Amino acid sequence: MKRIWMALVLVFAGSLSLGAAEKGDDGLHKTPWMRDTFKDLREDLDEANAEGKRLVLFIEQRGCIYCDKMHAEVYPNPELSKYIEDNYFVVQMNLHGNDTAVDFDGEEAEQADLMRKWGILFTPTLMFMPEEVPEGQQANVAAVSVMPGAFGFHTTYNMFVWVNEKRYDFDDGEDFQRYHARMLKERQAAKGE
């Protein structure tokens, strides 16, 4: 009986990580839609624009249980994964990384130093960038939206859509929370709930 229970536990534990992205040498998850760049944010923005995509920074760290949750339970959702791949240029940054990156203001520093400069306190944090960043502006100031923490599929998907459709520019009084609530109601109505 003990062997049966152990086998069930191993099968269940294995099934939890099936959808999760592999981890790189830095301990961070690597998905097919993440870009391996020199992390010069102006160059990354130019490349994103050339592809007709939005730049988003995924700030993560080794050992982050919330990053694990997002990569195991949320990002593998085919609808979200396809939406990100089709519409976003994803650059991963490391909260404690010692590899250098170049901020929009031209400062080159270790990623850990940039995270302190930007006030990033925990992971995951997503920073959604505009299509144009004024000269001399830091990434955290230029961001059109920052999503700190781990959220479920609907909240995450709706944030990606909200930014991609530039709803932050709409003068209709519908901020993200109101948009998200409306999208949830529309999904429930479509399901007949």
N, C-alpha and C. Protein backbone atom coordinates (compact mmCIF):
# COMPACT_ATOMS: atom_id res chain seq x y z
N MET A 1 0.83 -1.20 0.00
CA MET A 1 0.00 0.00 0.00
C MET A 1 0.88 1.27 0.00
N LYS A 2 1.97 1.19 0.75
CA LYS A 2 2.88 2.33 0.82
C LYS A 2 3.45 2.65 -0.57
N ARG A 3 3.77 1.63 -1.36
CA ARG A 3 4.32 1.82 -2.70
C ARG A 3 3.29 2.47 -3.62
N ILE A 4 2.03 2.08 -3.48
CA ILE A 4 0.98 2.68 -4.31
C ILE A 4 0.86 4.17 -4.02
N TRP A 5 0.88 4.53 -2.73
CA TRP A 5 0.80 5.94 -2.34
C TRP A 5 1.99 6.72 -2.87
N MET A 6 3.18 6.14 -2.76
CA MET A 6 4.38 6.83 -3.26
C MET A 6 4.29 7.01 -4.77
N ALA A 7 3.82 6.00 -5.47
CA ALA A 7 3.68 6.11 -6.93
C ALA A 7 2.69 7.20 -7.29
N LEU A 8 1.58 7.28 -6.57
CA LEU A 8 0.58 8.32 -6.83
C LEU A 8 1.15 9.71 -6.57
N VAL A 9 1.90 9.84 -5.49
CA VAL A 9 2.52 11.13 -5.17
C VAL A 9 3.49 11.54 -6.27
N LEU A 10 4.31 10.60 -6.74
CA LEU A 10 5.27 10.92 -7.80
C LEU A 10 4.58 11.28 -9.10
N VAL A 11 3.51 10.57 -9.44
CA VAL A 11 2.76 10.89 -10.66
C VAL A 11 2.14 12.27 -10.55
N PHE A 12 1.53 12.58 -9.41
CA PHE A 12 0.90 13.89 -9.21
C PHE A 12 1.94 15.00 -9.26
N ALA A 13 3.07 14.81 -8.57
CA ALA A 13 4.11 15.83 -8.56
C ALA A 13 4.67 16.05 -9.96
N GLY A 14 4.85 14.98 -10.70
CA GLY A 14 5.34 15.10 -12.07
C GLY A 14 4.37 15.82 -12.96
N SER A 15 3.08 15.62 -12.75
CA SER A 15 2.09 16.27 -13.61
C SER A 15 2.02 17.77 -13.36
N LEU A 16 2.39 18.21 -12.17
CA LEU A 16 2.37 19.64 -11.87
C LEU A 16 3.41 20.40 -12.69
N SER A 17 4.52 19.77 -13.01
CA SER A 17 5.58 20.49 -13.70
C SER A 17 5.61 20.25 -15.21
N LEU A 18 4.65 19.50 -15.73
CA LEU A 18 4.65 19.19 -17.16
C LEU A 18 4.63 20.44 -18.03
N GLY A 19 3.84 21.43 -17.64
CA GLY A 19 3.70 22.63 -18.46
C GLY A 19 4.75 23.69 -18.18
N ALA A 20 5.52 23.52 -17.13
CA ALA A 20 6.48 24.53 -16.75
C ALA A 20 7.65 24.59 -17.72
N ALA A 21 8.15 25.80 -17.94
CA ALA A 21 9.30 25.99 -18.81
C ALA A 21 10.55 25.45 -18.14
N GLU A 22 11.49 25.04 -18.95
CA GLU A 22 12.78 24.59 -18.44
C GLU A 22 13.50 25.77 -17.80
N LYS A 23 14.42 25.46 -16.88
CA LYS A 23 15.21 26.51 -16.26
C LYS A 23 16.60 26.54 -16.88
N GLY A 24 17.14 27.75 -17.00
CA GLY A 24 18.49 27.92 -17.52
C GLY A 24 19.52 27.82 -16.41
N ASP A 25 20.78 28.03 -16.77
CA ASP A 25 21.88 27.98 -15.80
C ASP A 25 21.72 29.04 -14.71
N ASP A 26 21.00 30.11 -15.02
CA ASP A 26 20.79 31.17 -14.04
C ASP A 26 19.64 30.85 -13.08
N GLY A 27 18.98 29.71 -13.27
CA GLY A 27 17.88 29.31 -12.40
C GLY A 27 16.55 29.93 -12.77
N LEU A 28 16.51 30.66 -13.89
CA LEU A 28 15.27 31.30 -14.34
C LEU A 28 14.62 30.45 -15.42
N HIS A 29 13.29 30.51 -15.47
CA HIS A 29 12.54 29.77 -16.48
C HIS A 29 12.82 30.33 -17.87
N LYS A 30 12.88 29.45 -18.85
CA LYS A 30 13.12 29.86 -20.24
C LYS A 30 11.96 29.34 -21.09
N THR A 31 11.24 30.26 -21.70
CA THR A 31 10.13 29.89 -22.57
C THR A 31 10.51 30.19 -24.02
N PRO A 32 9.85 29.55 -24.97
CA PRO A 32 10.17 29.81 -26.38
C PRO A 32 9.95 31.26 -26.80
N TRP A 33 9.03 31.98 -26.12
CA TRP A 33 8.75 33.35 -26.53
C TRP A 33 9.61 34.39 -25.83
N MET A 34 10.55 33.96 -24.99
CA MET A 34 11.50 34.90 -24.38
C MET A 34 12.66 35.12 -25.34
N ARG A 35 13.14 36.35 -25.40
CA ARG A 35 14.24 36.70 -26.31
C ARG A 35 15.56 36.73 -25.55
N ASP A 36 16.59 36.24 -26.17
CA ASP A 36 17.93 36.32 -25.63
C ASP A 36 18.59 37.53 -26.28
N THR A 37 18.66 38.62 -25.55
CA THR A 37 19.20 39.87 -26.11
C THR A 37 20.40 40.33 -25.28
N PHE A 38 21.02 41.43 -25.74
CA PHE A 38 22.11 42.03 -24.97
C PHE A 38 21.57 42.89 -23.82
N LYS A 39 20.26 42.98 -23.72
CA LYS A 39 19.57 43.74 -22.68
C LYS A 39 19.92 45.23 -22.71
N ASP A 40 20.04 45.74 -23.93
CA ASP A 40 20.10 47.18 -24.14
C ASP A 40 18.66 47.55 -24.48
N LEU A 41 17.96 48.16 -23.52
CA LEU A 41 16.52 48.33 -23.65
C LEU A 41 16.11 49.18 -24.85
N ARG A 42 16.92 50.15 -25.24
CA ARG A 42 16.59 50.94 -26.43
C ARG A 42 16.64 50.05 -27.68
N GLU A 43 17.65 49.20 -27.77
CA GLU A 43 17.74 48.28 -28.90
C GLU A 43 16.58 47.28 -28.88
N ASP A 44 16.25 46.78 -27.69
CA ASP A 44 15.14 45.83 -27.56
C ASP A 44 13.82 46.48 -27.98
N LEU A 45 13.63 47.73 -27.59
CA LEU A 45 12.41 48.45 -27.98
C LEU A 45 12.35 48.64 -29.49
N ASP A 46 13.48 49.02 -30.09
CA ASP A 46 13.53 49.18 -31.54
C ASP A 46 13.19 47.88 -32.26
N GLU A 47 13.73 46.77 -31.75
CA GLU A 47 13.47 45.47 -32.37
C GLU A 47 12.01 45.07 -32.19
N ALA A 48 11.46 45.32 -31.01
CA ALA A 48 10.04 45.02 -30.76
C ALA A 48 9.17 45.82 -31.73
N ASN A 49 9.44 47.10 -31.86
CA ASN A 49 8.67 47.95 -32.77
C ASN A 49 8.79 47.49 -34.21
N ALA A 50 10.00 47.07 -34.62
CA ALA A 50 10.21 46.60 -35.99
C ALA A 50 9.38 45.35 -36.28
N GLU A 51 9.13 44.56 -35.24
CA GLU A 51 8.32 43.35 -35.39
C GLU A 51 6.83 43.62 -35.16
N GLY A 52 6.48 44.86 -34.83
CA GLY A 52 5.08 45.18 -34.55
C GLY A 52 4.61 44.60 -33.23
N LYS A 53 5.53 44.49 -32.27
CA LYS A 53 5.19 43.91 -30.96
C LYS A 53 5.47 44.91 -29.85
N ARG A 54 4.92 44.61 -28.68
CA ARG A 54 5.14 45.43 -27.48
C ARG A 54 6.26 44.82 -26.66
N LEU A 55 7.11 45.67 -26.08
CA LEU A 55 8.19 45.22 -25.22
C LEU A 55 7.67 45.05 -23.80
N VAL A 56 7.94 43.88 -23.21
CA VAL A 56 7.62 43.64 -21.81
C VAL A 56 8.84 43.02 -21.14
N LEU A 57 9.15 43.50 -19.95
CA LEU A 57 10.27 42.97 -19.17
C LEU A 57 9.71 42.02 -18.11
N PHE A 58 10.21 40.80 -18.10
CA PHE A 58 9.86 39.80 -17.09
C PHE A 58 10.99 39.80 -16.07
N ILE A 59 10.72 40.32 -14.88
CA ILE A 59 11.74 40.36 -13.83
C ILE A 59 11.47 39.19 -12.89
N GLU A 60 12.46 38.30 -12.81
CA GLU A 60 12.32 37.08 -12.03
C GLU A 60 13.60 36.84 -11.24
N GLN A 61 13.60 35.80 -10.40
CA GLN A 61 14.80 35.44 -9.65
C GLN A 61 14.84 33.94 -9.40
N ARG A 62 16.03 33.43 -9.23
CA ARG A 62 16.24 32.02 -8.90
C ARG A 62 15.51 31.69 -7.59
N GLY A 63 14.82 30.55 -7.58
CA GLY A 63 14.16 30.10 -6.36
C GLY A 63 12.83 30.76 -6.07
N CYS A 64 12.32 31.56 -6.97
CA CYS A 64 11.06 32.28 -6.75
C CYS A 64 9.89 31.32 -6.91
N ILE A 65 9.19 31.05 -5.82
CA ILE A 65 8.05 30.10 -5.88
C ILE A 65 6.89 30.69 -6.67
N TYR A 66 6.76 32.00 -6.69
CA TYR A 66 5.68 32.62 -7.45
C TYR A 66 5.98 32.60 -8.94
N CYS A 67 7.26 32.74 -9.30
CA CYS A 67 7.66 32.58 -10.71
C CYS A 67 7.38 31.15 -11.14
N ASP A 68 7.72 30.19 -10.28
CA ASP A 68 7.43 28.78 -10.57
C ASP A 68 5.95 28.59 -10.83
N LYS A 69 5.11 29.18 -10.00
CA LYS A 69 3.67 29.05 -10.15
C LYS A 69 3.21 29.61 -11.50
N MET A 70 3.70 30.78 -11.86
CA MET A 70 3.30 31.39 -13.13
C MET A 70 3.73 30.53 -14.31
N HIS A 71 4.96 30.00 -14.24
CA HIS A 71 5.47 29.20 -15.36
C HIS A 71 4.88 27.79 -15.40
N ALA A 72 4.33 27.32 -14.29
CA ALA A 72 3.71 25.99 -14.27
C ALA A 72 2.21 26.04 -14.55
N GLU A 73 1.55 27.10 -14.08
CA GLU A 73 0.09 27.11 -14.11
C GLU A 73 -0.53 28.16 -15.04
N VAL A 74 0.15 29.25 -15.31
CA VAL A 74 -0.47 30.35 -16.04
C VAL A 74 0.09 30.49 -17.45
N TYR A 75 1.39 30.71 -17.59
CA TYR A 75 1.98 30.94 -18.92
C TYR A 75 1.80 29.77 -19.88
N PRO A 76 1.76 28.51 -19.42
CA PRO A 76 1.56 27.41 -20.37
C PRO A 76 0.16 27.35 -20.99
N ASN A 77 -0.80 28.11 -20.45
CA ASN A 77 -2.14 28.12 -21.04
C ASN A 77 -1.99 28.50 -22.52
N PRO A 78 -2.47 27.65 -23.44
CA PRO A 78 -2.26 27.91 -24.87
C PRO A 78 -2.76 29.27 -25.34
N GLU A 79 -3.88 29.72 -24.80
CA GLU A 79 -4.42 31.02 -25.23
C GLU A 79 -3.48 32.16 -24.83
N LEU A 80 -3.00 32.13 -23.61
CA LEU A 80 -2.09 33.17 -23.13
C LEU A 80 -0.73 33.06 -23.81
N SER A 81 -0.20 31.87 -23.88
CA SER A 81 1.12 31.67 -24.48
C SER A 81 1.14 32.16 -25.93
N LYS A 82 0.11 31.84 -26.68
CA LYS A 82 0.03 32.28 -28.07
C LYS A 82 -0.11 33.80 -28.15
N TYR A 83 -0.92 34.38 -27.25
CA TYR A 83 -1.10 35.82 -27.25
C TYR A 83 0.23 36.54 -26.99
N ILE A 84 0.97 36.04 -26.00
CA ILE A 84 2.27 36.64 -25.70
C ILE A 84 3.20 36.50 -26.90
N GLU A 85 3.29 35.31 -27.44
CA GLU A 85 4.19 35.07 -28.57
C GLU A 85 3.84 35.93 -29.78
N ASP A 86 2.55 36.10 -30.05
CA ASP A 86 2.11 36.87 -31.22
C ASP A 86 2.24 38.38 -31.05
N ASN A 87 2.18 38.87 -29.82
CA ASN A 87 2.06 40.31 -29.60
C ASN A 87 3.17 40.96 -28.78
N TYR A 88 4.04 40.17 -28.19
CA TYR A 88 5.03 40.73 -27.27
C TYR A 88 6.45 40.28 -27.56
N PHE A 89 7.36 41.20 -27.31
CA PHE A 89 8.80 40.96 -27.34
C PHE A 89 9.20 40.88 -25.88
N VAL A 90 9.49 39.68 -25.40
CA VAL A 90 9.71 39.44 -23.97
C VAL A 90 11.21 39.39 -23.67
N VAL A 91 11.64 40.26 -22.76
CA VAL A 91 13.03 40.27 -22.30
C VAL A 91 13.01 39.96 -20.81
N GLN A 92 13.75 38.92 -20.44
CA GLN A 92 13.81 38.49 -19.04
C GLN A 92 14.97 39.19 -18.34
N MET A 93 14.69 39.69 -17.14
CA MET A 93 15.71 40.34 -16.32
C MET A 93 15.79 39.58 -14.99
N ASN A 94 16.97 39.62 -14.37
CA ASN A 94 17.20 38.88 -13.14
C ASN A 94 17.33 39.86 -11.97
N LEU A 95 16.44 39.73 -10.99
CA LEU A 95 16.42 40.62 -9.83
C LEU A 95 17.78 40.72 -9.17
N HIS A 96 18.50 39.60 -9.11
CA HIS A 96 19.81 39.58 -8.45
C HIS A 96 20.94 39.35 -9.46
N GLY A 97 20.69 39.59 -10.72
CA GLY A 97 21.67 39.29 -11.76
C GLY A 97 22.86 40.22 -11.77
N ASN A 98 24.02 39.64 -12.08
CA ASN A 98 25.21 40.47 -12.20
C ASN A 98 25.61 40.71 -13.65
N ASP A 99 24.82 40.17 -14.59
CA ASP A 99 25.02 40.51 -16.01
C ASP A 99 24.55 41.95 -16.21
N THR A 100 25.20 42.65 -17.10
CA THR A 100 24.84 44.06 -17.29
C THR A 100 23.64 44.21 -18.23
N ALA A 101 23.00 45.34 -18.08
CA ALA A 101 21.90 45.75 -18.95
C ALA A 101 22.01 47.27 -19.09
N VAL A 102 21.35 47.79 -20.12
CA VAL A 102 21.38 49.24 -20.36
C VAL A 102 19.96 49.76 -20.29
N ASP A 103 19.72 50.66 -19.34
CA ASP A 103 18.41 51.28 -19.16
C ASP A 103 18.14 52.25 -20.31
N PHE A 104 16.90 52.66 -20.44
CA PHE A 104 16.54 53.63 -21.48
C PHE A 104 17.28 54.95 -21.33
N ASP A 105 17.66 55.30 -20.09
CA ASP A 105 18.37 56.56 -19.86
C ASP A 105 19.85 56.46 -20.21
N GLY A 106 20.28 55.28 -20.69
CA GLY A 106 21.67 55.10 -21.11
C GLY A 106 22.56 54.50 -20.04
N GLU A 107 22.09 54.39 -18.80
CA GLU A 107 22.93 53.84 -17.74
C GLU A 107 23.13 52.35 -17.94
N GLU A 108 24.38 51.94 -17.96
CA GLU A 108 24.72 50.51 -18.02
C GLU A 108 25.12 50.08 -16.62
N ALA A 109 24.49 49.03 -16.14
CA ALA A 109 24.75 48.55 -14.79
C ALA A 109 24.40 47.08 -14.69
N GLU A 110 24.84 46.45 -13.61
CA GLU A 110 24.41 45.08 -13.35
C GLU A 110 22.89 45.10 -13.17
N GLN A 111 22.24 44.03 -13.58
CA GLN A 111 20.79 43.98 -13.48
C GLN A 111 20.32 44.20 -12.05
N ALA A 112 21.02 43.65 -11.06
CA ALA A 112 20.63 43.84 -9.66
C ALA A 112 20.62 45.32 -9.30
N ASP A 113 21.58 46.08 -9.81
CA ASP A 113 21.63 47.52 -9.53
C ASP A 113 20.47 48.25 -10.21
N LEU A 114 20.14 47.83 -11.44
CA LEU A 114 18.99 48.45 -12.12
C LEU A 114 17.69 48.15 -11.37
N MET A 115 17.57 46.94 -10.85
CA MET A 115 16.34 46.59 -10.11
C MET A 115 16.19 47.48 -8.87
N ARG A 116 17.31 47.74 -8.17
CA ARG A 116 17.24 48.64 -7.01
C ARG A 116 16.88 50.06 -7.46
N LYS A 117 17.47 50.50 -8.56
CA LYS A 117 17.18 51.83 -9.11
C LYS A 117 15.70 51.95 -9.47
N TRP A 118 15.13 50.88 -10.03
CA TRP A 118 13.73 50.90 -10.45
C TRP A 118 12.77 50.63 -9.29
N GLY A 119 13.28 50.27 -8.13
CA GLY A 119 12.42 50.00 -6.98
C GLY A 119 11.71 48.65 -7.04
N ILE A 120 12.28 47.69 -7.75
CA ILE A 120 11.68 46.35 -7.84
C ILE A 120 12.02 45.61 -6.57
N LEU A 121 10.98 45.17 -5.85
CA LEU A 121 11.20 44.55 -4.55
C LEU A 121 10.97 43.05 -4.54
N PHE A 122 10.16 42.55 -5.48
CA PHE A 122 9.89 41.11 -5.47
C PHE A 122 9.57 40.62 -6.88
N THR A 123 9.51 39.31 -6.99
CA THR A 123 9.28 38.70 -8.28
C THR A 123 8.09 37.75 -8.20
N PRO A 124 7.46 37.51 -9.34
CA PRO A 124 7.71 38.13 -10.62
C PRO A 124 7.15 39.55 -10.68
N THR A 125 7.76 40.37 -11.49
CA THR A 125 7.23 41.70 -11.82
C THR A 125 7.33 41.84 -13.33
N LEU A 126 6.23 42.24 -13.95
CA LEU A 126 6.22 42.50 -15.39
C LEU A 126 6.15 44.01 -15.60
N MET A 127 7.03 44.52 -16.46
CA MET A 127 7.01 45.94 -16.80
C MET A 127 6.68 46.06 -18.28
N PHE A 128 5.54 46.66 -18.58
CA PHE A 128 5.08 46.84 -19.96
C PHE A 128 5.52 48.21 -20.45
N MET A 129 6.26 48.21 -21.55
CA MET A 129 6.85 49.45 -22.04
C MET A 129 6.01 50.06 -23.16
N PRO A 130 6.04 51.40 -23.28
CA PRO A 130 5.36 52.06 -24.40
C PRO A 130 6.16 51.83 -25.68
N GLU A 131 5.60 52.23 -26.79
CA GLU A 131 6.30 52.07 -28.06
C GLU A 131 7.41 53.09 -28.25
N GLU A 132 7.34 54.20 -27.52
CA GLU A 132 8.38 55.22 -27.54
C GLU A 132 8.68 55.64 -26.11
N VAL A 133 9.96 55.77 -25.81
CA VAL A 133 10.40 56.20 -24.48
C VAL A 133 11.17 57.49 -24.65
N PRO A 134 10.76 58.56 -23.96
CA PRO A 134 11.48 59.83 -24.08
C PRO A 134 12.95 59.69 -23.69
N GLU A 135 13.79 60.42 -24.35
CA GLU A 135 15.22 60.41 -24.09
C GLU A 135 15.48 60.68 -22.61
N GLY A 136 16.35 59.87 -22.01
CA GLY A 136 16.75 60.09 -20.63
C GLY A 136 15.82 59.51 -19.58
N GLN A 137 14.75 58.86 -19.98
CA GLN A 137 13.80 58.32 -19.02
C GLN A 137 14.17 56.89 -18.62
N GLN A 138 14.00 56.56 -17.35
CA GLN A 138 14.24 55.22 -16.83
C GLN A 138 13.07 54.31 -17.19
N ALA A 139 13.33 53.00 -17.23
CA ALA A 139 12.29 52.02 -17.59
C ALA A 139 11.10 52.08 -16.63
N ASN A 140 11.35 52.18 -15.34
CA ASN A 140 10.25 52.17 -14.38
C ASN A 140 9.36 53.40 -14.50
N VAL A 141 9.91 54.51 -14.94
CA VAL A 141 9.13 55.73 -15.13
C VAL A 141 8.37 55.67 -16.46
N ALA A 142 9.00 55.08 -17.46
CA ALA A 142 8.39 55.00 -18.79
C ALA A 142 7.28 53.95 -18.89
N ALA A 143 7.32 52.94 -18.04
CA ALA A 143 6.38 51.82 -18.14
C ALA A 143 4.93 52.30 -18.16
N VAL A 144 4.13 51.71 -19.05
CA VAL A 144 2.71 52.05 -19.10
C VAL A 144 1.92 51.26 -18.08
N SER A 145 2.48 50.15 -17.62
CA SER A 145 1.86 49.34 -16.58
C SER A 145 2.92 48.44 -15.96
N VAL A 146 2.78 48.21 -14.67
CA VAL A 146 3.66 47.29 -13.95
C VAL A 146 2.76 46.30 -13.24
N MET A 147 3.04 45.01 -13.42
CA MET A 147 2.24 43.95 -12.81
C MET A 147 3.13 43.18 -11.84
N PRO A 148 3.11 43.58 -10.55
CA PRO A 148 3.93 42.89 -9.56
C PRO A 148 3.17 41.72 -8.94
N GLY A 149 3.79 40.56 -8.93
CA GLY A 149 3.19 39.42 -8.25
C GLY A 149 2.67 38.35 -9.20
N ALA A 150 2.18 37.28 -8.59
CA ALA A 150 1.64 36.14 -9.33
C ALA A 150 0.12 36.24 -9.35
N PHE A 151 -0.45 36.11 -10.53
CA PHE A 151 -1.90 36.19 -10.70
C PHE A 151 -2.37 34.98 -11.49
N GLY A 152 -3.67 34.77 -11.51
CA GLY A 152 -4.24 33.68 -12.27
C GLY A 152 -4.31 34.01 -13.75
N PHE A 153 -4.79 33.04 -14.52
CA PHE A 153 -4.85 33.18 -15.97
C PHE A 153 -5.62 34.42 -16.41
N HIS A 154 -6.85 34.60 -15.92
CA HIS A 154 -7.70 35.68 -16.43
C HIS A 154 -7.09 37.06 -16.18
N THR A 155 -6.57 37.28 -14.98
CA THR A 155 -5.97 38.58 -14.68
C THR A 155 -4.75 38.82 -15.57
N THR A 156 -3.92 37.80 -15.71
CA THR A 156 -2.71 37.94 -16.51
C THR A 156 -3.05 38.15 -17.98
N TYR A 157 -3.94 37.33 -18.51
CA TYR A 157 -4.34 37.46 -19.92
C TYR A 157 -4.94 38.85 -20.17
N ASN A 158 -5.83 39.26 -19.28
CA ASN A 158 -6.47 40.57 -19.46
C ASN A 158 -5.48 41.72 -19.41
N MET A 159 -4.44 41.60 -18.58
CA MET A 159 -3.42 42.65 -18.53
C MET A 159 -2.66 42.72 -19.86
N PHE A 160 -2.30 41.57 -20.41
CA PHE A 160 -1.60 41.58 -21.70
C PHE A 160 -2.46 42.19 -22.79
N VAL A 161 -3.75 41.88 -22.80
CA VAL A 161 -4.66 42.45 -23.80
C VAL A 161 -4.83 43.94 -23.57
N TRP A 162 -5.06 44.33 -22.33
CA TRP A 162 -5.28 45.74 -21.96
C TRP A 162 -4.12 46.60 -22.43
N VAL A 163 -2.89 46.14 -22.20
CA VAL A 163 -1.72 46.91 -22.63
C VAL A 163 -1.60 46.89 -24.15
N ASN A 164 -1.74 45.71 -24.75
CA ASN A 164 -1.57 45.61 -26.20
C ASN A 164 -2.57 46.49 -26.96
N GLU A 165 -3.78 46.58 -26.44
CA GLU A 165 -4.81 47.42 -27.07
C GLU A 165 -4.71 48.89 -26.66
N LYS A 166 -3.69 49.23 -25.88
CA LYS A 166 -3.44 50.60 -25.40
C LYS A 166 -4.64 51.19 -24.66
N ARG A 167 -5.32 50.37 -23.90
CA ARG A 167 -6.48 50.84 -23.16
C ARG A 167 -6.11 51.82 -22.06
N TYR A 168 -4.84 51.86 -21.67
CA TYR A 168 -4.37 52.85 -20.69
C TYR A 168 -4.48 54.26 -21.27
N ASP A 169 -4.56 54.40 -22.60
CA ASP A 169 -4.70 55.70 -23.25
C ASP A 169 -6.15 56.12 -23.44
N PHE A 170 -7.08 55.19 -23.27
CA PHE A 170 -8.49 55.50 -23.49
C PHE A 170 -8.97 56.50 -22.45
N ASP A 171 -9.77 57.44 -22.88
CA ASP A 171 -10.33 58.44 -21.97
C ASP A 171 -11.79 58.08 -21.68
N ASP A 172 -11.99 56.82 -21.25
CA ASP A 172 -13.35 56.34 -21.01
C ASP A 172 -13.60 55.97 -19.55
N GLY A 173 -12.63 56.26 -18.67
CA GLY A 173 -12.80 55.98 -17.26
C GLY A 173 -12.65 54.51 -16.90
N GLU A 174 -12.27 53.67 -17.89
CA GLU A 174 -12.14 52.25 -17.60
C GLU A 174 -10.66 51.90 -17.40
N ASP A 175 -10.24 51.96 -16.13
CA ASP A 175 -8.88 51.56 -15.82
C ASP A 175 -8.79 50.04 -15.90
N PHE A 176 -7.62 49.48 -15.58
CA PHE A 176 -7.47 48.04 -15.73
C PHE A 176 -8.46 47.25 -14.88
N GLN A 177 -8.66 47.64 -13.64
CA GLN A 177 -9.56 46.86 -12.77
C GLN A 177 -10.98 46.83 -13.32
N ARG A 178 -11.45 47.96 -13.83
CA ARG A 178 -12.80 47.98 -14.42
C ARG A 178 -12.85 47.14 -15.71
N TYR A 179 -11.80 47.24 -16.50
CA TYR A 179 -11.72 46.44 -17.72
C TYR A 179 -11.72 44.95 -17.37
N HIS A 180 -10.91 44.57 -16.41
CA HIS A 180 -10.81 43.18 -15.99
C HIS A 180 -12.16 42.66 -15.49
N ALA A 181 -12.83 43.45 -14.68
CA ALA A 181 -14.16 43.04 -14.16
C ALA A 181 -15.15 42.87 -15.32
N ARG A 182 -15.11 43.78 -16.28
CA ARG A 182 -16.00 43.67 -17.43
C ARG A 182 -15.70 42.42 -18.25
N MET A 183 -14.42 42.13 -18.46
CA MET A 183 -14.04 40.94 -19.23
C MET A 183 -14.50 39.66 -18.52
N LEU A 184 -14.37 39.63 -17.19
CA LEU A 184 -14.83 38.45 -16.44
C LEU A 184 -16.33 38.27 -16.58
N LYS A 185 -17.08 39.36 -16.50
CA LYS A 185 -18.55 39.29 -16.66
C LYS A 185 -18.92 38.81 -18.06
N GLU A 186 -18.21 39.32 -19.07
CA GLU A 186 -18.50 38.91 -20.45
C GLU A 186 -18.20 37.43 -20.66
N ARG A 187 -17.13 36.93 -20.06
CA ARG A 187 -16.81 35.50 -20.17
C ARG A 187 -17.87 34.65 -19.48
N GLN A 188 -18.32 35.10 -18.31
CA GLN A 188 -19.36 34.36 -17.59
C GLN A 188 -20.66 34.35 -18.39
N ALA A 189 -21.01 35.49 -18.97
CA ALA A 189 -22.25 35.58 -19.77
C ALA A 189 -22.16 34.67 -20.99
N ALA A 190 -20.97 34.62 -21.61
CA ALA A 190 -20.79 33.76 -22.79
C ALA A 190 -20.95 32.28 -22.44
N LYS A 191 -20.59 31.94 -21.20
CA LYS A 191 -20.71 30.56 -20.75
C LYS A 191 -22.11 30.26 -20.21
N GLY A 192 -22.94 31.30 -20.10
CA GLY A 192 -24.30 31.13 -19.59
C GLY A 192 -24.37 31.00 -18.08
N GLU A 193 -23.38 31.55 -17.39
CA GLU A 193 -23.36 31.45 -15.91
C GLU A 193 -24.16 32.56 -15.29
